[in-house]
Amino acid sequence: MDIDQESIEKLQAKGVKAIFGMFEDKHVDLPDDYFDVVICNDVIEHMISHDMFFETIQKKLKKNGSLVGSIPNVRFYKNLKHLLFEKDWKYQESGILDTTHLRFFTKKSLRRSLISNGYNISKLEGIEGSRAPILRLFLALTLGKHNDIRYRQLAFRATIKD
């Protein structure tokens, strides 16, 4: 499922069943208790209601199915730098503050959302990490307590609680 018509056409040309449209409108076209894995990379932050998405996807997953995805990390150090030192929250064409993002997540808030929506988290980690010298110094001085700010994205794998 995608809102990019060109992506849908490419998939369909390869024989993949692909649905064009917004999840909120098209989820009824997906069968219940069907999917082993649902991948939602850079999707949840665009949802009107991420809680509705998490709840609905549970019905679509098989009993031992997994939800796998990634989302931007609003605590990424460059984003914090703009907020704290430049006193600015400027939306952009792409990236963490993409103009199409309706939701923002930290590692802690994503964990809370998944758990409160009935998921067991088997993996939740930062990806696309920075090794900037100033950041490494900060993390060393804080004994790694704020290590999550290194990562531009958060990746997760979760299953439905029994």
N, C-alpha and C. Protein backbone atom coordinates (compact mmCIF):
# COMPACT_ATOMS: atom_id res chain seq x y z
N MET A 1 0.85 -1.16 0.00
CA MET A 1 0.00 0.00 0.00
C MET A 1 0.90 1.23 0.00
N ASP A 2 0.58 2.16 -0.88
CA ASP A 2 1.39 3.37 -0.98
C ASP A 2 0.55 4.47 -1.60
N ILE A 3 0.99 5.71 -1.37
CA ILE A 3 0.30 6.85 -1.99
C ILE A 3 1.08 7.38 -3.20
N ASP A 4 2.15 6.69 -3.56
CA ASP A 4 2.94 7.07 -4.72
C ASP A 4 2.53 6.16 -5.89
N GLN A 5 1.80 6.71 -6.83
CA GLN A 5 1.26 5.94 -7.95
C GLN A 5 2.36 5.25 -8.75
N GLU A 6 3.48 5.92 -8.93
CA GLU A 6 4.59 5.33 -9.69
C GLU A 6 5.12 4.08 -9.00
N SER A 7 5.25 4.11 -7.69
CA SER A 7 5.71 2.93 -6.93
C SER A 7 4.72 1.78 -7.07
N ILE A 8 3.44 2.10 -7.00
CA ILE A 8 2.40 1.07 -7.14
C ILE A 8 2.49 0.42 -8.52
N GLU A 9 2.63 1.23 -9.55
CA GLU A 9 2.70 0.70 -10.92
C GLU A 9 3.92 -0.18 -11.12
N LYS A 10 5.07 0.20 -10.53
CA LYS A 10 6.28 -0.61 -10.64
C LYS A 10 6.07 -1.97 -9.97
N LEU A 11 5.45 -1.96 -8.81
CA LEU A 11 5.19 -3.22 -8.10
C LEU A 11 4.21 -4.10 -8.89
N GLN A 12 3.16 -3.49 -9.37
CA GLN A 12 2.16 -4.24 -10.12
C GLN A 12 2.76 -4.83 -11.40
N ALA A 13 3.68 -4.12 -12.04
CA ALA A 13 4.35 -4.62 -13.24
C ALA A 13 5.18 -5.88 -12.94
N LYS A 14 5.60 -6.01 -11.68
CA LYS A 14 6.37 -7.19 -11.26
C LYS A 14 5.46 -8.28 -10.70
N GLY A 15 4.15 -8.08 -10.80
CA GLY A 15 3.21 -9.09 -10.34
C GLY A 15 2.88 -9.01 -8.86
N VAL A 16 3.28 -7.94 -8.21
CA VAL A 16 3.00 -7.76 -6.78
C VAL A 16 1.64 -7.09 -6.62
N LYS A 17 0.83 -7.64 -5.73
CA LYS A 17 -0.46 -7.00 -5.44
C LYS A 17 -0.17 -5.75 -4.61
N ALA A 18 -0.49 -4.62 -5.16
CA ALA A 18 -0.22 -3.35 -4.49
C ALA A 18 -1.48 -2.49 -4.54
N ILE A 19 -1.73 -1.80 -3.44
CA ILE A 19 -2.92 -0.97 -3.31
C ILE A 19 -2.50 0.48 -3.26
N PHE A 20 -3.13 1.30 -4.09
CA PHE A 20 -2.87 2.74 -4.09
C PHE A 20 -3.84 3.40 -3.12
N GLY A 21 -3.31 4.20 -2.21
CA GLY A 21 -4.18 4.96 -1.32
C GLY A 21 -3.63 5.09 0.08
N MET A 22 -4.36 5.84 0.88
CA MET A 22 -4.01 6.07 2.28
C MET A 22 -4.48 4.90 3.13
N PHE A 23 -3.67 4.53 4.11
CA PHE A 23 -4.02 3.41 4.98
C PHE A 23 -5.38 3.62 5.64
N GLU A 24 -5.63 4.84 6.09
CA GLU A 24 -6.89 5.14 6.79
C GLU A 24 -8.10 4.83 5.92
N ASP A 25 -7.94 4.96 4.61
CA ASP A 25 -9.05 4.72 3.67
C ASP A 25 -9.07 3.29 3.15
N LYS A 26 -7.92 2.66 3.03
CA LYS A 26 -7.80 1.39 2.31
C LYS A 26 -7.59 0.16 3.18
N HIS A 27 -7.42 0.33 4.49
CA HIS A 27 -7.14 -0.84 5.34
C HIS A 27 -8.25 -1.88 5.29
N VAL A 28 -9.46 -1.46 4.96
CA VAL A 28 -10.57 -2.43 4.86
C VAL A 28 -10.37 -3.40 3.70
N ASP A 29 -9.51 -3.05 2.75
CA ASP A 29 -9.22 -3.93 1.61
C ASP A 29 -8.21 -5.02 1.97
N LEU A 30 -7.63 -4.94 3.16
CA LEU A 30 -6.64 -5.92 3.59
C LEU A 30 -7.33 -7.02 4.40
N PRO A 31 -6.98 -8.28 4.15
CA PRO A 31 -7.62 -9.37 4.90
C PRO A 31 -7.14 -9.43 6.36
N ASP A 32 -8.00 -9.87 7.25
CA ASP A 32 -7.65 -10.06 8.66
C ASP A 32 -6.87 -11.37 8.81
N ASP A 33 -6.03 -11.43 9.85
CA ASP A 33 -5.30 -12.65 10.21
C ASP A 33 -4.58 -13.25 9.00
N TYR A 34 -3.85 -12.42 8.27
CA TYR A 34 -3.29 -12.84 6.98
C TYR A 34 -1.77 -12.68 6.89
N PHE A 35 -1.22 -11.59 7.41
CA PHE A 35 0.17 -11.24 7.15
C PHE A 35 1.11 -11.80 8.22
N ASP A 36 2.23 -12.37 7.75
CA ASP A 36 3.29 -12.80 8.66
C ASP A 36 4.08 -11.59 9.15
N VAL A 37 4.30 -10.65 8.25
CA VAL A 37 5.07 -9.44 8.57
C VAL A 37 4.41 -8.25 7.87
N VAL A 38 4.30 -7.15 8.59
CA VAL A 38 3.89 -5.88 8.00
C VAL A 38 5.07 -4.93 8.20
N ILE A 39 5.53 -4.35 7.10
CA ILE A 39 6.65 -3.41 7.15
C ILE A 39 6.10 -2.00 6.96
N CYS A 40 6.47 -1.14 7.88
CA CYS A 40 6.00 0.25 7.82
C CYS A 40 7.17 1.21 8.04
N ASN A 41 8.06 1.25 7.06
CA ASN A 41 9.21 2.15 7.14
C ASN A 41 8.79 3.56 6.76
N ASP A 42 9.03 4.50 7.67
CA ASP A 42 8.72 5.91 7.46
C ASP A 42 7.26 6.11 7.08
N VAL A 43 6.37 5.51 7.85
CA VAL A 43 4.93 5.56 7.59
C VAL A 43 4.16 6.15 8.78
N ILE A 44 4.47 5.68 9.98
CA ILE A 44 3.66 5.99 11.16
C ILE A 44 3.60 7.50 11.43
N GLU A 45 4.68 8.21 11.17
CA GLU A 45 4.70 9.65 11.43
C GLU A 45 3.78 10.43 10.50
N HIS A 46 3.29 9.78 9.46
CA HIS A 46 2.37 10.41 8.52
C HIS A 46 0.91 10.10 8.84
N MET A 47 0.67 9.26 9.82
CA MET A 47 -0.69 8.81 10.15
C MET A 47 -1.46 9.88 10.93
N ILE A 48 -2.73 10.01 10.60
CA ILE A 48 -3.60 10.89 11.38
C ILE A 48 -3.70 10.37 12.81
N SER A 49 -3.83 9.05 12.95
CA SER A 49 -3.87 8.42 14.27
C SER A 49 -2.99 7.18 14.25
N HIS A 50 -1.81 7.30 14.84
CA HIS A 50 -0.93 6.13 14.91
C HIS A 50 -1.55 5.04 15.78
N ASP A 51 -2.35 5.41 16.77
CA ASP A 51 -3.01 4.40 17.60
C ASP A 51 -3.99 3.57 16.76
N MET A 52 -4.73 4.21 15.88
CA MET A 52 -5.65 3.48 14.99
C MET A 52 -4.86 2.53 14.09
N PHE A 53 -3.72 2.99 13.61
CA PHE A 53 -2.88 2.14 12.77
C PHE A 53 -2.42 0.91 13.54
N PHE A 54 -1.85 1.11 14.74
CA PHE A 54 -1.38 -0.03 15.54
C PHE A 54 -2.51 -1.01 15.84
N GLU A 55 -3.66 -0.50 16.19
CA GLU A 55 -4.81 -1.36 16.51
C GLU A 55 -5.29 -2.13 15.28
N THR A 56 -5.40 -1.46 14.16
CA THR A 56 -5.89 -2.09 12.94
C THR A 56 -4.91 -3.14 12.41
N ILE A 57 -3.63 -2.83 12.45
CA ILE A 57 -2.62 -3.77 11.94
C ILE A 57 -2.62 -5.07 12.75
N GLN A 58 -2.93 -4.99 14.04
CA GLN A 58 -3.01 -6.21 14.84
C GLN A 58 -4.01 -7.19 14.25
N LYS A 59 -5.11 -6.69 13.74
CA LYS A 59 -6.15 -7.55 13.16
C LYS A 59 -5.67 -8.17 11.84
N LYS A 60 -4.77 -7.53 11.18
CA LYS A 60 -4.28 -7.99 9.87
C LYS A 60 -3.15 -9.01 10.01
N LEU A 61 -2.44 -8.98 11.15
CA LEU A 61 -1.33 -9.89 11.38
C LEU A 61 -1.82 -11.27 11.83
N LYS A 62 -1.08 -12.30 11.40
CA LYS A 62 -1.31 -13.64 11.92
C LYS A 62 -0.92 -13.66 13.40
N LYS A 63 -1.28 -14.72 14.09
CA LYS A 63 -1.04 -14.83 15.54
C LYS A 63 0.41 -14.55 15.92
N ASN A 64 1.37 -15.09 15.20
CA ASN A 64 2.78 -14.86 15.51
C ASN A 64 3.43 -13.86 14.56
N GLY A 65 2.62 -13.03 13.92
CA GLY A 65 3.14 -12.06 12.96
C GLY A 65 3.91 -10.93 13.63
N SER A 66 4.70 -10.23 12.81
CA SER A 66 5.53 -9.13 13.30
C SER A 66 5.22 -7.83 12.57
N LEU A 67 5.32 -6.77 13.31
CA LEU A 67 5.27 -5.42 12.76
C LEU A 67 6.70 -4.90 12.79
N VAL A 68 7.23 -4.53 11.64
CA VAL A 68 8.60 -4.07 11.50
C VAL A 68 8.57 -2.69 10.87
N GLY A 69 9.35 -1.78 11.41
CA GLY A 69 9.32 -0.45 10.82
C GLY A 69 10.44 0.45 11.29
N SER A 70 10.40 1.65 10.75
CA SER A 70 11.34 2.69 11.15
C SER A 70 10.61 4.03 11.13
N ILE A 71 11.09 4.93 11.97
CA ILE A 71 10.52 6.28 12.03
C ILE A 71 11.66 7.26 12.32
N PRO A 72 11.48 8.52 11.97
CA PRO A 72 12.49 9.52 12.33
C PRO A 72 12.54 9.72 13.85
N ASN A 73 13.72 9.99 14.35
CA ASN A 73 13.94 10.24 15.78
C ASN A 73 14.00 11.75 16.01
N VAL A 74 12.98 12.32 16.62
CA VAL A 74 12.94 13.76 16.83
C VAL A 74 14.03 14.23 17.80
N ARG A 75 14.62 13.29 18.56
CA ARG A 75 15.72 13.65 19.48
C ARG A 75 17.10 13.59 18.80
N PHE A 76 17.15 13.43 17.50
CA PHE A 76 18.43 13.43 16.80
C PHE A 76 19.16 14.73 17.12
N TYR A 77 20.46 14.65 17.39
CA TYR A 77 21.20 15.79 17.92
C TYR A 77 21.12 17.04 17.04
N LYS A 78 21.11 16.88 15.73
CA LYS A 78 21.03 18.06 14.86
C LYS A 78 19.67 18.76 15.01
N ASN A 79 18.65 17.98 15.19
CA ASN A 79 17.32 18.54 15.42
C ASN A 79 17.29 19.28 16.76
N LEU A 80 17.88 18.69 17.79
CA LEU A 80 17.95 19.34 19.10
C LEU A 80 18.77 20.62 19.05
N LYS A 81 19.83 20.60 18.26
CA LYS A 81 20.68 21.80 18.12
C LYS A 81 19.87 22.96 17.59
N HIS A 82 19.07 22.71 16.55
CA HIS A 82 18.23 23.77 15.98
C HIS A 82 17.24 24.28 17.01
N LEU A 83 16.66 23.38 17.76
CA LEU A 83 15.65 23.75 18.74
C LEU A 83 16.27 24.50 19.93
N LEU A 84 17.33 23.96 20.49
CA LEU A 84 17.91 24.54 21.70
C LEU A 84 18.76 25.79 21.46
N PHE A 85 19.59 25.76 20.45
CA PHE A 85 20.52 26.86 20.25
C PHE A 85 20.05 27.90 19.25
N GLU A 86 19.32 27.46 18.25
CA GLU A 86 18.80 28.41 17.26
C GLU A 86 17.36 28.81 17.56
N LYS A 87 16.77 28.16 18.57
CA LYS A 87 15.40 28.45 19.00
C LYS A 87 14.42 28.36 17.85
N ASP A 88 14.58 27.31 17.03
CA ASP A 88 13.78 27.21 15.82
C ASP A 88 13.32 25.77 15.59
N TRP A 89 12.13 25.63 15.08
CA TRP A 89 11.53 24.34 14.71
C TRP A 89 11.03 24.57 13.29
N LYS A 90 11.90 24.49 12.33
CA LYS A 90 11.58 24.84 10.95
C LYS A 90 11.31 23.58 10.13
N TYR A 91 10.08 23.50 9.62
CA TYR A 91 9.73 22.36 8.77
C TYR A 91 10.49 22.45 7.45
N GLN A 92 10.76 21.26 6.87
CA GLN A 92 11.57 21.20 5.66
C GLN A 92 10.94 20.27 4.64
N GLU A 93 11.53 20.22 3.46
CA GLU A 93 11.03 19.36 2.38
C GLU A 93 11.16 17.88 2.71
N SER A 94 12.19 17.54 3.48
CA SER A 94 12.42 16.14 3.84
C SER A 94 13.14 16.09 5.17
N GLY A 95 13.28 14.89 5.70
CA GLY A 95 14.00 14.72 6.97
C GLY A 95 13.06 14.64 8.15
N ILE A 96 13.62 14.81 9.33
CA ILE A 96 12.86 14.65 10.56
C ILE A 96 11.69 15.63 10.63
N LEU A 97 11.91 16.86 10.25
CA LEU A 97 10.85 17.87 10.29
C LEU A 97 10.19 18.05 8.92
N ASP A 98 10.02 16.95 8.23
CA ASP A 98 9.33 16.93 6.93
C ASP A 98 7.94 17.57 7.09
N THR A 99 7.56 18.37 6.13
CA THR A 99 6.27 19.07 6.21
C THR A 99 5.08 18.13 6.23
N THR A 100 5.26 16.87 5.82
CA THR A 100 4.15 15.93 5.79
C THR A 100 4.03 15.09 7.08
N HIS A 101 4.94 15.29 8.03
CA HIS A 101 4.89 14.54 9.28
C HIS A 101 3.83 15.12 10.21
N LEU A 102 2.95 14.25 10.66
CA LEU A 102 1.89 14.65 11.58
C LEU A 102 2.22 14.28 13.03
N ARG A 103 3.18 13.37 13.20
CA ARG A 103 3.57 12.86 14.52
C ARG A 103 5.09 12.88 14.63
N PHE A 104 5.56 13.02 15.85
CA PHE A 104 6.99 12.96 16.13
C PHE A 104 7.21 12.00 17.28
N PHE A 105 8.30 11.22 17.20
CA PHE A 105 8.56 10.20 18.19
C PHE A 105 10.00 10.26 18.68
N THR A 106 10.16 9.89 19.94
CA THR A 106 11.45 9.59 20.53
C THR A 106 11.46 8.08 20.76
N LYS A 107 12.59 7.55 21.14
CA LYS A 107 12.66 6.12 21.44
C LYS A 107 11.68 5.79 22.58
N LYS A 108 11.65 6.64 23.58
CA LYS A 108 10.79 6.42 24.74
C LYS A 108 9.31 6.50 24.36
N SER A 109 8.93 7.48 23.55
CA SER A 109 7.50 7.62 23.18
C SER A 109 7.06 6.51 22.22
N LEU A 110 7.97 6.05 21.35
CA LEU A 110 7.62 4.93 20.47
C LEU A 110 7.42 3.67 21.28
N ARG A 111 8.31 3.42 22.24
CA ARG A 111 8.17 2.26 23.12
C ARG A 111 6.82 2.30 23.84
N ARG A 112 6.49 3.45 24.41
CA ARG A 112 5.22 3.62 25.12
C ARG A 112 4.03 3.36 24.20
N SER A 113 4.07 3.89 22.99
CA SER A 113 2.97 3.70 22.03
C SER A 113 2.78 2.24 21.66
N LEU A 114 3.88 1.56 21.38
CA LEU A 114 3.78 0.14 21.02
C LEU A 114 3.22 -0.68 22.18
N ILE A 115 3.75 -0.47 23.36
CA ILE A 115 3.29 -1.24 24.52
C ILE A 115 1.83 -0.93 24.84
N SER A 116 1.46 0.34 24.83
CA SER A 116 0.07 0.69 25.18
C SER A 116 -0.93 0.21 24.12
N ASN A 117 -0.44 -0.10 22.93
CA ASN A 117 -1.30 -0.62 21.88
C ASN A 117 -1.23 -2.14 21.77
N GLY A 118 -0.66 -2.79 22.78
CA GLY A 118 -0.72 -4.25 22.85
C GLY A 118 0.38 -5.00 22.14
N TYR A 119 1.56 -4.41 22.02
CA TYR A 119 2.67 -5.08 21.35
C TYR A 119 3.78 -5.43 22.33
N ASN A 120 4.45 -6.54 22.05
CA ASN A 120 5.72 -6.89 22.70
C ASN A 120 6.82 -6.41 21.76
N ILE A 121 7.79 -5.73 22.29
CA ILE A 121 8.88 -5.21 21.47
C ILE A 121 10.06 -6.17 21.55
N SER A 122 10.43 -6.73 20.41
CA SER A 122 11.59 -7.62 20.39
C SER A 122 12.86 -6.87 19.98
N LYS A 123 12.68 -5.73 19.34
CA LYS A 123 13.85 -4.92 18.96
C LYS A 123 13.41 -3.47 18.81
N LEU A 124 14.18 -2.57 19.39
CA LEU A 124 13.97 -1.13 19.23
C LEU A 124 15.33 -0.49 19.37
N GLU A 125 15.85 0.02 18.27
CA GLU A 125 17.20 0.57 18.29
C GLU A 125 17.34 1.71 17.31
N GLY A 126 18.36 2.52 17.53
CA GLY A 126 18.67 3.60 16.62
C GLY A 126 19.41 3.09 15.40
N ILE A 127 19.14 3.73 14.27
CA ILE A 127 19.86 3.44 13.03
C ILE A 127 20.27 4.77 12.40
N GLU A 128 21.18 4.71 11.45
CA GLU A 128 21.73 5.91 10.81
C GLU A 128 22.38 6.81 11.86
N GLY A 129 23.32 6.25 12.59
CA GLY A 129 23.98 6.98 13.66
C GLY A 129 25.08 7.91 13.18
N SER A 130 25.29 8.96 13.93
CA SER A 130 26.33 9.93 13.64
C SER A 130 27.56 9.64 14.50
N ARG A 131 28.72 9.94 13.95
CA ARG A 131 29.97 9.78 14.69
C ARG A 131 30.68 11.14 14.78
N ALA A 132 29.91 12.22 14.74
CA ALA A 132 30.49 13.56 14.81
C ALA A 132 31.32 13.71 16.08
N PRO A 133 32.51 14.28 15.98
CA PRO A 133 33.39 14.41 17.15
C PRO A 133 32.74 15.13 18.34
N ILE A 134 32.04 16.21 18.10
CA ILE A 134 31.41 16.95 19.20
C ILE A 134 30.34 16.09 19.88
N LEU A 135 29.65 15.31 19.10
CA LEU A 135 28.62 14.42 19.65
C LEU A 135 29.28 13.32 20.48
N ARG A 136 30.35 12.76 19.98
CA ARG A 136 31.06 11.70 20.72
C ARG A 136 31.57 12.22 22.05
N LEU A 137 32.05 13.46 22.05
CA LEU A 137 32.52 14.08 23.30
C LEU A 137 31.35 14.24 24.27
N PHE A 138 30.24 14.76 23.80
CA PHE A 138 29.06 14.93 24.65
C PHE A 138 28.61 13.60 25.25
N LEU A 139 28.55 12.57 24.42
CA LEU A 139 28.11 11.26 24.90
C LEU A 139 29.09 10.68 25.92
N ALA A 140 30.38 10.94 25.72
CA ALA A 140 31.38 10.47 26.69
C ALA A 140 31.20 11.20 28.02
N LEU A 141 31.00 12.51 27.96
CA LEU A 141 30.83 13.31 29.18
C LEU A 141 29.56 12.94 29.94
N THR A 142 28.53 12.49 29.24
CA THR A 142 27.26 12.11 29.88
C THR A 142 27.17 10.60 30.08
N LEU A 143 28.32 9.93 29.91
CA LEU A 143 28.42 8.47 30.11
C LEU A 143 27.40 7.70 29.28
N GLY A 144 27.11 8.21 28.08
CA GLY A 144 26.22 7.53 27.15
C GLY A 144 24.74 7.59 27.51
N LYS A 145 24.40 8.36 28.53
CA LYS A 145 23.00 8.43 28.99
C LYS A 145 22.04 8.90 27.89
N HIS A 146 22.53 9.73 27.01
CA HIS A 146 21.70 10.29 25.94
C HIS A 146 22.09 9.73 24.57
N ASN A 147 22.50 8.48 24.54
CA ASN A 147 22.99 7.85 23.31
C ASN A 147 21.97 7.89 22.18
N ASP A 148 20.68 7.94 22.50
CA ASP A 148 19.64 7.94 21.47
C ASP A 148 19.72 9.15 20.55
N ILE A 149 20.37 10.23 20.97
CA ILE A 149 20.44 11.42 20.11
C ILE A 149 21.40 11.23 18.94
N ARG A 150 22.17 10.15 18.95
CA ARG A 150 23.09 9.84 17.85
C ARG A 150 22.36 9.46 16.57
N TYR A 151 21.11 8.97 16.71
CA TYR A 151 20.46 8.29 15.60
C TYR A 151 19.37 9.14 14.94
N ARG A 152 19.45 9.19 13.63
CA ARG A 152 18.47 9.91 12.82
C ARG A 152 17.14 9.15 12.76
N GLN A 153 17.21 7.83 12.83
CA GLN A 153 16.02 6.98 12.71
C GLN A 153 15.98 5.97 13.86
N LEU A 154 14.78 5.48 14.12
CA LEU A 154 14.58 4.39 15.07
C LEU A 154 13.96 3.23 14.31
N ALA A 155 14.47 2.03 14.54
CA ALA A 155 13.93 0.83 13.90
C ALA A 155 13.37 -0.08 14.98
N PHE A 156 12.30 -0.79 14.63
CA PHE A 156 11.67 -1.66 15.62
C PHE A 156 11.09 -2.92 14.99
N ARG A 157 10.93 -3.93 15.83
CA ARG A 157 10.20 -5.14 15.50
C ARG A 157 9.33 -5.46 16.72
N ALA A 158 8.06 -5.68 16.48
CA ALA A 158 7.13 -5.95 17.58
C ALA A 158 6.12 -7.02 17.16
N THR A 159 5.63 -7.74 18.16
CA THR A 159 4.60 -8.75 17.94
C THR A 159 3.43 -8.45 18.86
N ILE A 160 2.31 -9.07 18.58
CA ILE A 160 1.11 -8.87 19.37
C ILE A 160 1.27 -9.59 20.71
N LYS A 161 0.90 -8.90 21.80
CA LYS A 161 0.93 -9.54 23.12
C LYS A 161 -0.07 -10.67 23.15
N ASP A 162 0.33 -11.76 23.82
CA ASP A 162 -0.58 -12.90 23.97
C ASP A 162 -1.63 -12.62 25.03
